[in-house]
Amino acid sequence: MSSVLSSLKSCHHVSTMHLRTILCALTMLIASHGVVAQETVFSLFKSDLRPADEYFEKRDYQNALRLYKQVAKKKPSPVIELKIARTHHLLNQHDETVAVYEKSRTSSSLPLADLLFLAEALSGTSQYEAAMAAYERYLAQSPSDELVMQKIWRLANIQYLYEDSALFHVEKLPVNSSNGEICPVPYQDGIVFMSNRREVQPIEQLDAITHAPFYRLYYSSKAPDSTRTHIFAITPPEIFDKDLKPRLHVGPVSFYDNYKKMVFAASTGFNVMTGERTMQLHFAEIIDGIWKVKTAFPHNSNEYSLADPTLSTDGKTLFYSSNMKGGFGGKDLYKSELIDGKWTRPENLGEIINTPGDEAYPFFFNGTLYFSSNGHPGLGGLDIFRAEQEDHFRDVQNVGYPINTNYDDFGISLDSTGRRGYFSSNRSNGSRNDDIFQFDLSIQSYPLSIEGTLKFKPQSWSDSLDLKVMPNATLQLIDNVRNISVYETKTDSTGAFKLMVPHFSRYKIRVVGDEYDEHVVSLEIPKHRRSQGRHEIVIVKDAFRPD
C-alpha cells in the first residue's frame, strides 16, 4: 500500500502522467590528445541516483525504490541505505523501514529526521518500547518538540487505548477486493465507498504514482444476515459515479438533504508549475434519478488540493482537508460555512486539531468531529480521533482499539443512530491494500448472565393475576443456528432462574416442567449493552392443547 501521507489514499496530489517536457541539450566537448574525459566514481554515483531521485521528487516511490535498490547493489553506501529506508517509510512499509535503518547504522547516529521516521516505523510494527527509545533519542536533540513528548506518554500508557475494546465489535465487510476500498459512508439502505479495483474497459488508465486504476465511487446495498443480526450481507458493488463521468479520481463523498445532494472531491485541478493534478470539491444533486454537478466550491485552487469533504446535516457547515500553504504542516482540516448563499473564506481548525503531521478524513456527527491523524499520539500509523465542538473544538481523544491499530485506520463514518459505523484500514493479514470494516458500538458482551422468574398460567383465558411460579423446572438454552443445547439450569422453589449465554447467536429456551410438560419460548437479546433487569418467562399450559 502506498503511503497515506503522499499517495492517492489521501486523495491529494493526484496526477496522471506528468506533462512536463524535459529538454536535453547535448554539449560536445573536444579534448586535446592525451586528456581523456572520465567520469569519477562520484559522478557515476550521482548519475545513477538522478533517475531515482526524480521519481522520489514526483512521489513515485515504487519506481524510486526499485532504482535505489539497483544502485545499492552496484555501489552500496550509507547514503543509498538512508534513501531506501526513507522510501520504505513513505510507502508505509514499516517492517522494511525498520530493517533497513537497523542494517545501515545504529539509530543513535541517524540524522534527526530519520530518527523520527524510525520511531514512527517501530510504532507501526507495535514495537512500542523500541519506539519510545527512538523518540527519546530524538527528543534529546530536539527537546522542545511537545508532540513527541505526547507520543512518548501515549506509548508509555498504551493500555488506556484498550480499555473500551469490549464495547466495540469490528467486522470486515465482503465488498473488499484485492485492490483498495476506502472512505465508506451510509447511503440509503447501503454504503457508498471508493475503490481502485480493476474494471473491464477498452483502455485501462493507471495513476502514475500508484500504478493502479483511478479511484471511483461504488454502491452496495445491505440486508440483515439470516444468522447474525449485528452485521450485514452486502450486495456486489455497482459503479455509483457513472453520471459524473469521471476521467480521473473521484471521492470521497458526503451526502446531505436526505441523500438528495452531495459534495465530492475529484481530481479536476491542474497545477501548471508542478505538472500535477489537484483535488477540488464539487456539489451535485439528483435530478430525475440522475446525479448532476451543479456548482464547484468557490475556494477551489489549482495550486493545492481540497479533499475529504463532510457536511453537517443541514448542509451549511463544510469540513475538508487541504495541503494549502499557511497550515501547521502536512494536511490540515479546514471549515467553511454557507451564509446568505455564499461559502465563507476557509478557516483552519487550529492547533488543537491540526499538527505538523497529517490530519484528514473528517466526519462531523452530532457536534462531534471525527478525523484521522498521524500527528496526534496513537497506536501507530494513522489513527482515528474525535473532538467535541462547543464554542470551539477541544480535547482531542483517540477512539482506541479495536477501531485503531498499529496500522492505518481512517475514513470513519456513522449511521443515523450513532451506534453503527464504517471505516477503512490496511490491517488485514498485513495487506498493503485498504479494506472496509463495520463496527457496532456498545454491543452486548459475552458470556452474558440473565436472571429471571419462570411463571405459568393454567389457562390462556385466565387473568394475568392468575400467574403462578413454576418451580423445579429445567431450562435448556438452545442455539438456534447450531441447533444444540449450550446451557442448562433449573428453577428454584420460587421459580427463579439464572442463565449463562456463552456467545452471540439466536436462541430459544426449552422448558420442561416437573410434570414433564415441555414448552419452547424465544429469547431476544438486545444487540446493544444496557441494564438487563430481571426477565419474566410466562408459560401458558393449555396454549397448544389439542381438542
Foldseek 3Di string as FASTA:
>chain_A
DAACLDDCVQPFLFFAPFPDDDDDDDDDDDDDPPDDDDDDPVNVLVVLLVVLVVCVVSLLLVVSLVSLVVSCVVPNDLVSLLVNLVSCLRRVVLVVNLVSVVVSDDLLPDDLVSLLSNLQSCLLVVVLVVSLVSLVSSCVVVVVPVLSVQQNVCSVVVVVLCPQQLQKDKDFAPQDDLFAWFQWEDDDQWIKTKTQDDDDDPDFGATPRPRTGAIFIWIWGWDADPWFRVDTHTDHIDGDCVLVVADHHKDDKEAEPNRFKIKIKHQPAADPVRSTTAIFIWIWGADPNGIDTDGTQPPDDNVWHWHQWYADRVRFKIKTWIPDPPDQARIFIWIWGQDPNHTDDIDTLDDQGDHNWHWGNWYDDPQKIKIWTPRHHDSHAIFIWIFGADVGTHDIGTNHPPQDHNWHKGNKYAPPVRFKIKTKTCPPVNHSHIGMMIMGGQFDGPQDKAKAFEWEAAAPPDDPVRIAGAFFKKKFKAFPVVRDTDDIDGHHPRRIDMDTRGDDTWIKIWIQGPVRDIDIGGDDDDGHDDDRPHDYHYHYRCPPPDD
